[in-house]
Amino acid sequence: MSQMDLAIQADISTRHLSFVETGRSKPSRDMILHLAEELELPLRERNHLLLSGGFAPLYAETPLSSPHMASVREALGQVLSGHEPYPAVVVDQRWNLVDRNAATGVLLRGVAPELLVPPVNVLRLSLHPKGMAQRIINLGEWRAHLLHRLRRQMSLTADPDLAALWQELDDYPCDQPEPEIDRPGPGDIVIPLRLRRGYRELAFFSTMATFGTPLDITVAELAIEAYFPANPETAAYLQHQHHPD
């Protein structure tokens, strides 16, 4: 975004914005927050910007275990349990596992125990040779999808921990072609995760959900990834696992 584009979008003069950028003018607290809003910065980065401007951080980072977060924990639990018999996980900004439902067991079969020792990173769990990767039928396609998604997140946050994670994942071996762009296969409407389960193939697609209008960094950085069956066979298998009788 150019300086002029930001000035127009924020409804301030390009001269004033130029003075702020070069240090000739000290922005007020409200101006910093206004620019951060127009730039759609994450709450954590807004705090960093306030500190750079000489102001105290505005947004708290409350531990999820805090009594003040009881309603958030309850909401997460309801979503996770309500999504069964389909898998669902809660992750933080760096893709560390916060919580999961019992149905995720179908995804974790055969995973090396050391990958399940907290803190568990779900992207590492997915693409590690001793993780889910050994059972992912379309590993090249799924791996390319996850790495593209992580790279987009890196470009938005400039988080060095995400950059280190991307480098680690990119170094994992893969004996399948990795497409440069997401291309649909025959009949695909989303990129499926295809898992080998004995003689079966299970297929999933996922959705991501976040809290609306968060004012706490912890809440803002939580996301729920919910997996859905991509075909009737997978749905029937999961329903049977949940209600075997």
C-alpha atoms as a PDB file:
ATOM      1  CA  MET A   1       0.000   0.000   0.000  1.00  0.00           C
ATOM      2  CA  SER A   2       1.384   3.391  -0.956  1.00  0.00           C
ATOM      3  CA  GLN A   3       1.519   6.323   1.439  1.00  0.00           C
ATOM      4  CA  MET A   4      -1.130   8.103  -0.632  1.00  0.00           C
ATOM      5  CA  ASP A   5      -3.427   5.067  -0.629  1.00  0.00           C
ATOM      6  CA  LEU A   6      -3.191   4.791   3.157  1.00  0.00           C
ATOM      7  CA  ALA A   7      -3.785   8.538   3.603  1.00  0.00           C
ATOM      8  CA  ILE A   8      -6.900   8.414   1.434  1.00  0.00           C
ATOM      9  CA  GLN A   9      -8.196   5.307   3.177  1.00  0.00           C
ATOM     10  CA  ALA A  10      -7.522   6.767   6.640  1.00  0.00           C
ATOM     11  CA  ASP A  11      -8.945  10.171   5.616  1.00  0.00           C
ATOM     12  CA  ILE A  12      -5.836  12.140   6.636  1.00  0.00           C
ATOM     13  CA  SER A  13      -3.510  14.332   4.579  1.00  0.00           C
ATOM     14  CA  THR A  14      -0.552  12.747   2.819  1.00  0.00           C
ATOM     15  CA  ARG A  15       1.581  15.567   4.265  1.00  0.00           C
ATOM     16  CA  HIS A  16       0.696  14.657   7.843  1.00  0.00           C
ATOM     17  CA  LEU A  17       1.190  10.939   7.200  1.00  0.00           C
ATOM     18  CA  SER A  18       4.570  11.681   5.623  1.00  0.00           C
ATOM     19  CA  PHE A  19       5.596  13.682   8.696  1.00  0.00           C
ATOM     20  CA  VAL A  20       4.513  10.791  10.948  1.00  0.00           C
ATOM     21  CA  GLU A  21       6.440   8.253   8.877  1.00  0.00           C
ATOM     22  CA  THR A  22       9.647  10.278   8.827  1.00  0.00           C
ATOM     23  CA  GLY A  23       9.453  11.247  12.498  1.00  0.00           C
ATOM     24  CA  ARG A  24       8.876  14.963  11.936  1.00  0.00           C
ATOM     25  CA  SER A  25       5.484  14.681  13.642  1.00  0.00           C
ATOM     26  CA  LYS A  26       4.624  12.566  16.701  1.00  0.00           C
ATOM     27  CA  PRO A  27       1.284  10.803  16.229  1.00  0.00           C
ATOM     28  CA  SER A  28      -1.281  10.751  19.004  1.00  0.00           C
ATOM     29  CA  ARG A  29      -2.443   7.505  20.583  1.00  0.00           C
ATOM     30  CA  ASP A  30      -5.722   7.754  18.678  1.00  0.00           C
ATOM     31  CA  MET A  31      -3.884   8.319  15.382  1.00  0.00           C
ATOM     32  CA  ILE A  32      -1.742   5.207  15.934  1.00  0.00           C
ATOM     33  CA  LEU A  33      -4.846   3.134  16.635  1.00  0.00           C
ATOM     34  CA  HIS A  34      -6.606   4.637  13.624  1.00  0.00           C
ATOM     35  CA  LEU A  35      -3.739   3.754  11.290  1.00  0.00           C
ATOM     36  CA  ALA A  36      -3.467   0.279  12.818  1.00  0.00           C
ATOM     37  CA  GLU A  37      -7.175  -0.256  12.152  1.00  0.00           C
ATOM     38  CA  GLU A  38      -6.869   0.857   8.528  1.00  0.00           C
ATOM     39  CA  LEU A  39      -3.867  -1.465   8.073  1.00  0.00           C
ATOM     40  CA  GLU A  40      -5.838  -4.329   9.685  1.00  0.00           C
ATOM     41  CA  LEU A  41      -2.955  -5.105  12.018  1.00  0.00           C
ATOM     42  CA  PRO A  42      -3.374  -8.012  14.485  1.00  0.00           C
ATOM     43  CA  LEU A  43      -3.905  -6.897  18.087  1.00  0.00           C
ATOM     44  CA  ARG A  44      -0.408  -8.027  19.093  1.00  0.00           C
ATOM     45  CA  GLU A  45       1.102  -5.795  16.390  1.00  0.00           C
ATOM     46  CA  ARG A  46      -1.096  -2.871  17.455  1.00  0.00           C
ATOM     47  CA  ASN A  47       0.437  -3.101  20.920  1.00  0.00           C
ATOM     48  CA  HIS A  48       3.918  -3.069  19.349  1.00  0.00           C
ATOM     49  CA  LEU A  49       2.988   0.020  17.339  1.00  0.00           C
ATOM     50  CA  LEU A  50       1.712   1.806  20.461  1.00  0.00           C
ATOM     51  CA  LEU A  51       4.951   1.007  22.291  1.00  0.00           C
ATOM     52  CA  SER A  52       6.960   2.362  19.364  1.00  0.00           C
ATOM     53  CA  GLY A  53       4.948   5.587  19.612  1.00  0.00           C
ATOM     54  CA  GLY A  54       5.661   5.928  23.337  1.00  0.00           C
ATOM     55  CA  PHE A  55       2.285   4.719  24.607  1.00  0.00           C
ATOM     56  CA  ALA A  56       1.263   1.833  26.847  1.00  0.00           C
ATOM     57  CA  PRO A  57      -0.177  -1.286  25.169  1.00  0.00           C
ATOM     58  CA  LEU A  58      -3.958  -1.310  24.948  1.00  0.00           C
ATOM     59  CA  TYR A  59      -4.841  -4.969  24.398  1.00  0.00           C
ATOM     60  CA  ALA A  60      -4.458  -7.558  27.149  1.00  0.00           C
ATOM     61  CA  GLU A  61      -3.211 -11.110  26.646  1.00  0.00           C
ATOM     62  CA  THR A  62      -5.201 -13.127  29.168  1.00  0.00           C
ATOM     63  CA  PRO A  63      -4.278 -16.795  29.739  1.00  0.00           C
ATOM     64  CA  LEU A  64      -7.002 -19.120  28.516  1.00  0.00           C
ATOM     65  CA  SER A  65      -6.988 -20.766  31.965  1.00  0.00           C
ATOM     66  CA  SER A  66      -7.954 -17.471  33.629  1.00  0.00           C
ATOM     67  CA  PRO A  67     -11.391 -17.278  35.337  1.00  0.00           C
ATOM     68  CA  HIS A  68     -12.130 -14.298  33.074  1.00  0.00           C
ATOM     69  CA  MET A  69     -11.929 -16.641  30.072  1.00  0.00           C
ATOM     70  CA  ALA A  70     -14.522 -19.121  31.351  1.00  0.00           C
ATOM     71  CA  SER A  71     -17.083 -18.119  28.713  1.00  0.00           C
ATOM     72  CA  VAL A  72     -14.489 -18.510  25.962  1.00  0.00           C
ATOM     73  CA  ARG A  73     -13.493 -21.978  27.192  1.00  0.00           C
ATOM     74  CA  GLU A  74     -17.157 -22.963  27.412  1.00  0.00           C
ATOM     75  CA  ALA A  75     -17.805 -21.776  23.849  1.00  0.00           C
ATOM     76  CA  LEU A  76     -14.804 -23.704  22.537  1.00  0.00           C
ATOM     77  CA  GLY A  77     -15.906 -26.842  24.349  1.00  0.00           C
ATOM     78  CA  GLN A  78     -19.420 -26.577  22.933  1.00  0.00           C
ATOM     79  CA  VAL A  79     -18.130 -26.203  19.382  1.00  0.00           C
ATOM     80  CA  LEU A  80     -15.700 -29.105  19.711  1.00  0.00           C
ATOM     81  CA  SER A  81     -18.179 -31.534  21.267  1.00  0.00           C
ATOM     82  CA  GLY A  82     -20.998 -30.376  19.024  1.00  0.00           C
ATOM     83  CA  HIS A  83     -18.936 -31.151  15.922  1.00  0.00           C
ATOM     84  CA  GLU A  84     -18.523 -34.839  16.800  1.00  0.00           C
ATOM     85  CA  PRO A  85     -18.406 -37.395  15.231  1.00  0.00           C
ATOM     86  CA  TYR A  86     -16.257 -35.232  12.963  1.00  0.00           C
ATOM     87  CA  PRO A  87     -12.787 -34.029  14.039  1.00  0.00           C
ATOM     88  CA  ALA A  88     -12.128 -30.468  15.222  1.00  0.00           C
ATOM     89  CA  VAL A  89      -9.167 -28.718  16.833  1.00  0.00           C
ATOM     90  CA  VAL A  90      -8.461 -25.338  18.431  1.00  0.00           C
ATOM     91  CA  VAL A  91      -5.103 -23.771  17.537  1.00  0.00           C
ATOM     92  CA  ASP A  92      -3.273 -20.572  18.360  1.00  0.00           C
ATOM     93  CA  GLN A  93      -1.605 -18.169  15.928  1.00  0.00           C
ATOM     94  CA  ARG A  94       1.469 -20.404  15.578  1.00  0.00           C
ATOM     95  CA  TRP A  95      -0.618 -23.534  14.971  1.00  0.00           C
ATOM     96  CA  ASN A  96      -0.009 -24.996  18.419  1.00  0.00           C
ATOM     97  CA  LEU A  97      -2.798 -27.267  19.602  1.00  0.00           C
ATOM     98  CA  VAL A  98      -4.960 -25.720  22.328  1.00  0.00           C
ATOM     99  CA  ASP A  99      -7.759 -28.302  22.462  1.00  0.00           C
ATOM    100  CA  ARG A 100      -9.347 -31.026  20.359  1.00  0.00           C
ATOM    101  CA  ASN A 101     -12.362 -33.312  20.388  1.00  0.00           C
ATOM    102  CA  ALA A 102     -12.357 -37.095  20.704  1.00  0.00           C
ATOM    103  CA  ALA A 103     -13.059 -37.563  16.978  1.00  0.00           C
ATOM    104  CA  THR A 104      -9.550 -36.332  16.101  1.00  0.00           C
ATOM    105  CA  GLY A 105      -8.384 -39.822  17.068  1.00  0.00           C
ATOM    106  CA  VAL A 106      -9.203 -40.972  13.539  1.00  0.00           C
ATOM    107  CA  LEU A 107      -6.609 -38.487  12.216  1.00  0.00           C
ATOM    108  CA  LEU A 108      -3.912 -39.395  14.746  1.00  0.00           C
ATOM    109  CA  ARG A 109      -3.712 -43.167  14.351  1.00  0.00           C
ATOM    110  CA  GLY A 110      -0.159 -44.262  13.670  1.00  0.00           C
ATOM    111  CA  VAL A 111       1.402 -40.924  14.662  1.00  0.00           C
ATOM    112  CA  ALA A 112       4.708 -41.233  16.566  1.00  0.00           C
ATOM    113  CA  PRO A 113       4.119 -40.625  20.306  1.00  0.00           C
ATOM    114  CA  GLU A 114       6.842 -37.951  20.505  1.00  0.00           C
ATOM    115  CA  LEU A 115       4.848 -35.753  18.116  1.00  0.00           C
ATOM    116  CA  LEU A 116       1.959 -35.758  20.597  1.00  0.00           C
ATOM    117  CA  VAL A 117       4.020 -34.432  23.512  1.00  0.00           C
ATOM    118  CA  PRO A 118       2.916 -30.835  24.306  1.00  0.00           C
ATOM    119  CA  PRO A 119       3.286 -28.333  22.850  1.00  0.00           C
ATOM    120  CA  VAL A 120       1.858 -30.061  19.782  1.00  0.00           C
ATOM    121  CA  ASN A 121       2.081 -28.168  16.512  1.00  0.00           C
ATOM    122  CA  VAL A 122      -0.653 -29.336  14.153  1.00  0.00           C
ATOM    123  CA  LEU A 123       1.235 -28.436  10.964  1.00  0.00           C
ATOM    124  CA  ARG A 124       4.280 -30.396  12.146  1.00  0.00           C
ATOM    125  CA  LEU A 125       1.942 -33.221  13.129  1.00  0.00           C
ATOM    126  CA  SER A 126       0.437 -33.200   9.629  1.00  0.00           C
ATOM    127  CA  LEU A 127       3.608 -33.096   7.531  1.00  0.00           C
ATOM    128  CA  HIS A 128       6.253 -34.852   9.652  1.00  0.00           C
ATOM    129  CA  PRO A 129       7.352 -38.195   8.120  1.00  0.00           C
ATOM    130  CA  LYS A 130       6.375 -39.928  11.384  1.00  0.00           C
ATOM    131  CA  GLY A 131       3.151 -37.980  11.650  1.00  0.00           C
ATOM    132  CA  MET A 132       0.007 -37.984   9.530  1.00  0.00           C
ATOM    133  CA  ALA A 133       2.096 -37.648   6.350  1.00  0.00           C
ATOM    134  CA  GLN A 134       2.691 -41.398   6.224  1.00  0.00           C
ATOM    135  CA  ARG A 135      -1.066 -41.914   5.775  1.00  0.00           C
ATOM    136  CA  ILE A 136      -1.899 -38.911   3.554  1.00  0.00           C
ATOM    137  CA  ILE A 137      -2.601 -40.230   0.071  1.00  0.00           C
ATOM    138  CA  ASN A 138      -2.371 -36.824  -1.646  1.00  0.00           C
ATOM    139  CA  LEU A 139       0.613 -35.644   0.428  1.00  0.00           C
ATOM    140  CA  GLY A 140       2.116 -33.440  -2.305  1.00  0.00           C
ATOM    141  CA  GLU A 141      -1.136 -31.586  -2.854  1.00  0.00           C
ATOM    142  CA  TRP A 142      -1.989 -31.242   0.846  1.00  0.00           C
ATOM    143  CA  ARG A 143       1.563 -30.245   1.772  1.00  0.00           C
ATOM    144  CA  ALA A 144       1.621 -27.515  -0.905  1.00  0.00           C
ATOM    145  CA  HIS A 145      -1.736 -26.225   0.377  1.00  0.00           C
ATOM    146  CA  LEU A 146      -0.519 -25.994   4.001  1.00  0.00           C
ATOM    147  CA  LEU A 147       2.793 -24.370   3.061  1.00  0.00           C
ATOM    148  CA  HIS A 148       1.026 -21.799   0.853  1.00  0.00           C
ATOM    149  CA  ARG A 149      -1.333 -20.976   3.728  1.00  0.00           C
ATOM    150  CA  LEU A 150       1.555 -20.631   6.180  1.00  0.00           C
ATOM    151  CA  ARG A 151       3.487 -18.409   3.750  1.00  0.00           C
ATOM    152  CA  ARG A 152       0.497 -16.056   3.446  1.00  0.00           C
ATOM    153  CA  GLN A 153       0.290 -15.854   7.236  1.00  0.00           C
ATOM    154  CA  MET A 154       4.020 -15.082   7.419  1.00  0.00           C
ATOM    155  CA  SER A 155       3.603 -12.218   4.965  1.00  0.00           C
ATOM    156  CA  LEU A 156       0.890 -10.674   7.167  1.00  0.00           C
ATOM    157  CA  THR A 157       2.614 -11.046  10.530  1.00  0.00           C
ATOM    158  CA  ALA A 158       6.401 -11.204   9.818  1.00  0.00           C
ATOM    159  CA  ASP A 159       6.488 -13.628  12.765  1.00  0.00           C
ATOM    160  CA  PRO A 160       9.996 -15.176  13.004  1.00  0.00           C
ATOM    161  CA  ASP A 161       8.592 -18.286  14.728  1.00  0.00           C
ATOM    162  CA  LEU A 162       6.276 -18.896  11.761  1.00  0.00           C
ATOM    163  CA  ALA A 163       9.216 -18.394   9.397  1.00  0.00           C
ATOM    164  CA  ALA A 164      11.234 -21.000  11.327  1.00  0.00           C
ATOM    165  CA  LEU A 165       8.269 -23.386  11.256  1.00  0.00           C
ATOM    166  CA  TRP A 166       7.865 -22.905   7.489  1.00  0.00           C
ATOM    167  CA  GLN A 167      11.537 -23.684   6.937  1.00  0.00           C
ATOM    168  CA  GLU A 168      11.272 -26.831   9.052  1.00  0.00           C
ATOM    169  CA  LEU A 169       8.187 -28.064   7.214  1.00  0.00           C
ATOM    170  CA  ASP A 170       9.649 -27.213   3.815  1.00  0.00           C
ATOM    171  CA  ASP A 171      12.656 -29.425   4.607  1.00  0.00           C
ATOM    172  CA  TYR A 172      10.501 -32.503   5.254  1.00  0.00           C
ATOM    173  CA  PRO A 173      10.732 -35.111   2.471  1.00  0.00           C
ATOM    174  CA  CYS A 174       7.905 -35.640  -0.011  1.00  0.00           C
ATOM    175  CA  ASP A 175       7.937 -38.143  -2.884  1.00  0.00           C
ATOM    176  CA  GLN A 176       4.961 -36.572  -4.685  1.00  0.00           C
ATOM    177  CA  PRO A 177       4.722 -33.525  -6.977  1.00  0.00           C
ATOM    178  CA  GLU A 178       3.810 -30.319  -5.157  1.00  0.00           C
ATOM    179  CA  PRO A 179       1.648 -28.045  -7.306  1.00  0.00           C
ATOM    180  CA  GLU A 180       2.541 -24.348  -7.406  1.00  0.00           C
ATOM    181  CA  ILE A 181      -1.125 -23.414  -7.289  1.00  0.00           C
ATOM    182  CA  ASP A 182      -4.166 -25.199  -5.911  1.00  0.00           C
ATOM    183  CA  ARG A 183      -5.774 -27.104  -8.799  1.00  0.00           C
ATOM    184  CA  PRO A 184      -9.061 -28.990  -8.443  1.00  0.00           C
ATOM    185  CA  GLY A 185      -9.150 -32.697  -9.204  1.00  0.00           C
ATOM    186  CA  PRO A 186     -12.133 -34.362 -10.922  1.00  0.00           C
ATOM    187  CA  GLY A 187     -15.260 -33.437  -8.982  1.00  0.00           C
ATOM    188  CA  ASP A 188     -13.353 -31.502  -6.279  1.00  0.00           C
ATOM    189  CA  ILE A 189     -14.892 -28.282  -4.958  1.00  0.00           C
ATOM    190  CA  VAL A 190     -12.293 -27.881  -2.187  1.00  0.00           C
ATOM    191  CA  ILE A 191      -8.831 -29.334  -1.592  1.00  0.00           C
ATOM    192  CA  PRO A 192      -9.480 -32.625   0.209  1.00  0.00           C
ATOM    193  CA  LEU A 193      -7.343 -34.304   2.824  1.00  0.00           C
ATOM    194  CA  ARG A 194      -7.222 -37.935   1.737  1.00  0.00           C
ATOM    195  CA  LEU A 195      -6.197 -40.351   4.488  1.00  0.00           C
ATOM    196  CA  ARG A 196      -5.446 -44.067   4.290  1.00  0.00           C
ATOM    197  CA  ARG A 197      -7.335 -46.003   6.982  1.00  0.00           C
ATOM    198  CA  GLY A 198      -6.697 -49.728   6.546  1.00  0.00           C
ATOM    199  CA  TYR A 199      -8.259 -50.625   3.214  1.00  0.00           C
ATOM    200  CA  ARG A 200     -10.383 -47.461   3.253  1.00  0.00           C
ATOM    201  CA  GLU A 201      -9.758 -43.958   2.020  1.00  0.00           C
ATOM    202  CA  LEU A 202     -11.194 -41.204   4.177  1.00  0.00           C
ATOM    203  CA  ALA A 203     -11.603 -37.741   2.644  1.00  0.00           C
ATOM    204  CA  PHE A 204     -12.080 -34.468   4.516  1.00  0.00           C
ATOM    205  CA  PHE A 205     -12.332 -30.747   3.906  1.00  0.00           C
ATOM    206  CA  SER A 206     -11.975 -28.173   6.659  1.00  0.00           C
ATOM    207  CA  THR A 207     -13.283 -24.778   7.720  1.00  0.00           C
ATOM    208  CA  MET A 208     -11.640 -22.163   9.965  1.00  0.00           C
ATOM    209  CA  ALA A 209     -13.606 -20.150  12.534  1.00  0.00           C
ATOM    210  CA  THR A 210     -12.448 -17.264  14.718  1.00  0.00           C
ATOM    211  CA  PHE A 211     -14.051 -15.088  17.384  1.00  0.00           C
ATOM    212  CA  GLY A 212     -15.778 -11.961  16.130  1.00  0.00           C
ATOM    213  CA  THR A 213     -14.584  -8.520  17.325  1.00  0.00           C
ATOM    214  CA  PRO A 214     -11.988  -9.812  19.819  1.00  0.00           C
ATOM    215  CA  LEU A 215     -10.419  -7.304  22.230  1.00  0.00           C
ATOM    216  CA  ASP A 216      -7.932  -9.705  23.837  1.00  0.00           C
ATOM    217  CA  ILE A 217      -4.819 -11.026  22.071  1.00  0.00           C
ATOM    218  CA  THR A 218      -5.364 -14.608  23.253  1.00  0.00           C
ATOM    219  CA  VAL A 219      -8.915 -14.660  21.911  1.00  0.00           C
ATOM    220  CA  ALA A 220      -7.931 -12.932  18.672  1.00  0.00           C
ATOM    221  CA  GLU A 221      -5.272 -15.561  17.957  1.00  0.00           C
ATOM    222  CA  LEU A 222      -7.501 -18.611  18.544  1.00  0.00           C
ATOM    223  CA  ALA A 223      -8.975 -20.473  15.594  1.00  0.00           C
ATOM    224  CA  ILE A 224     -11.152 -23.566  15.325  1.00  0.00           C
ATOM    225  CA  GLU A 225     -10.409 -25.876  12.411  1.00  0.00           C
ATOM    226  CA  ALA A 226     -13.350 -28.202  11.844  1.00  0.00           C
ATOM    227  CA  TYR A 227     -13.101 -31.176   9.502  1.00  0.00           C
ATOM    228  CA  PHE A 228     -16.075 -32.423   7.501  1.00  0.00           C
ATOM    229  CA  PRO A 229     -16.465 -35.603   5.449  1.00  0.00           C
ATOM    230  CA  ALA A 230     -15.891 -34.926   1.768  1.00  0.00           C
ATOM    231  CA  ASN A 231     -17.946 -37.922   0.636  1.00  0.00           C
ATOM    232  CA  PRO A 232     -20.782 -40.145   1.963  1.00  0.00           C
ATOM    233  CA  GLU A 233     -18.415 -43.078   2.628  1.00  0.00           C
ATOM    234  CA  THR A 234     -16.315 -41.041   5.058  1.00  0.00           C
ATOM    235  CA  ALA A 235     -19.428 -39.708   6.783  1.00  0.00           C
ATOM    236  CA  ALA A 236     -20.820 -43.227   7.221  1.00  0.00           C
ATOM    237  CA  TYR A 237     -17.516 -44.499   8.620  1.00  0.00           C
ATOM    238  CA  LEU A 238     -17.280 -41.678  11.190  1.00  0.00           C
ATOM    239  CA  GLN A 239     -20.901 -42.098  12.210  1.00  0.00           C
ATOM    240  CA  HIS A 240     -20.313 -45.830  12.736  1.00  0.00           C
ATOM    241  CA  GLN A 241     -17.194 -45.144  14.825  1.00  0.00           C
ATOM    242  CA  HIS A 242     -19.242 -42.776  16.983  1.00  0.00           C
ATOM    243  CA  HIS A 243     -22.264 -45.096  17.265  1.00  0.00           C
ATOM    244  CA  PRO A 244     -20.975 -48.641  16.554  1.00  0.00           C
ATOM    245  CA  ASP A 245     -24.326 -50.213  17.434  1.00  0.00           C
END
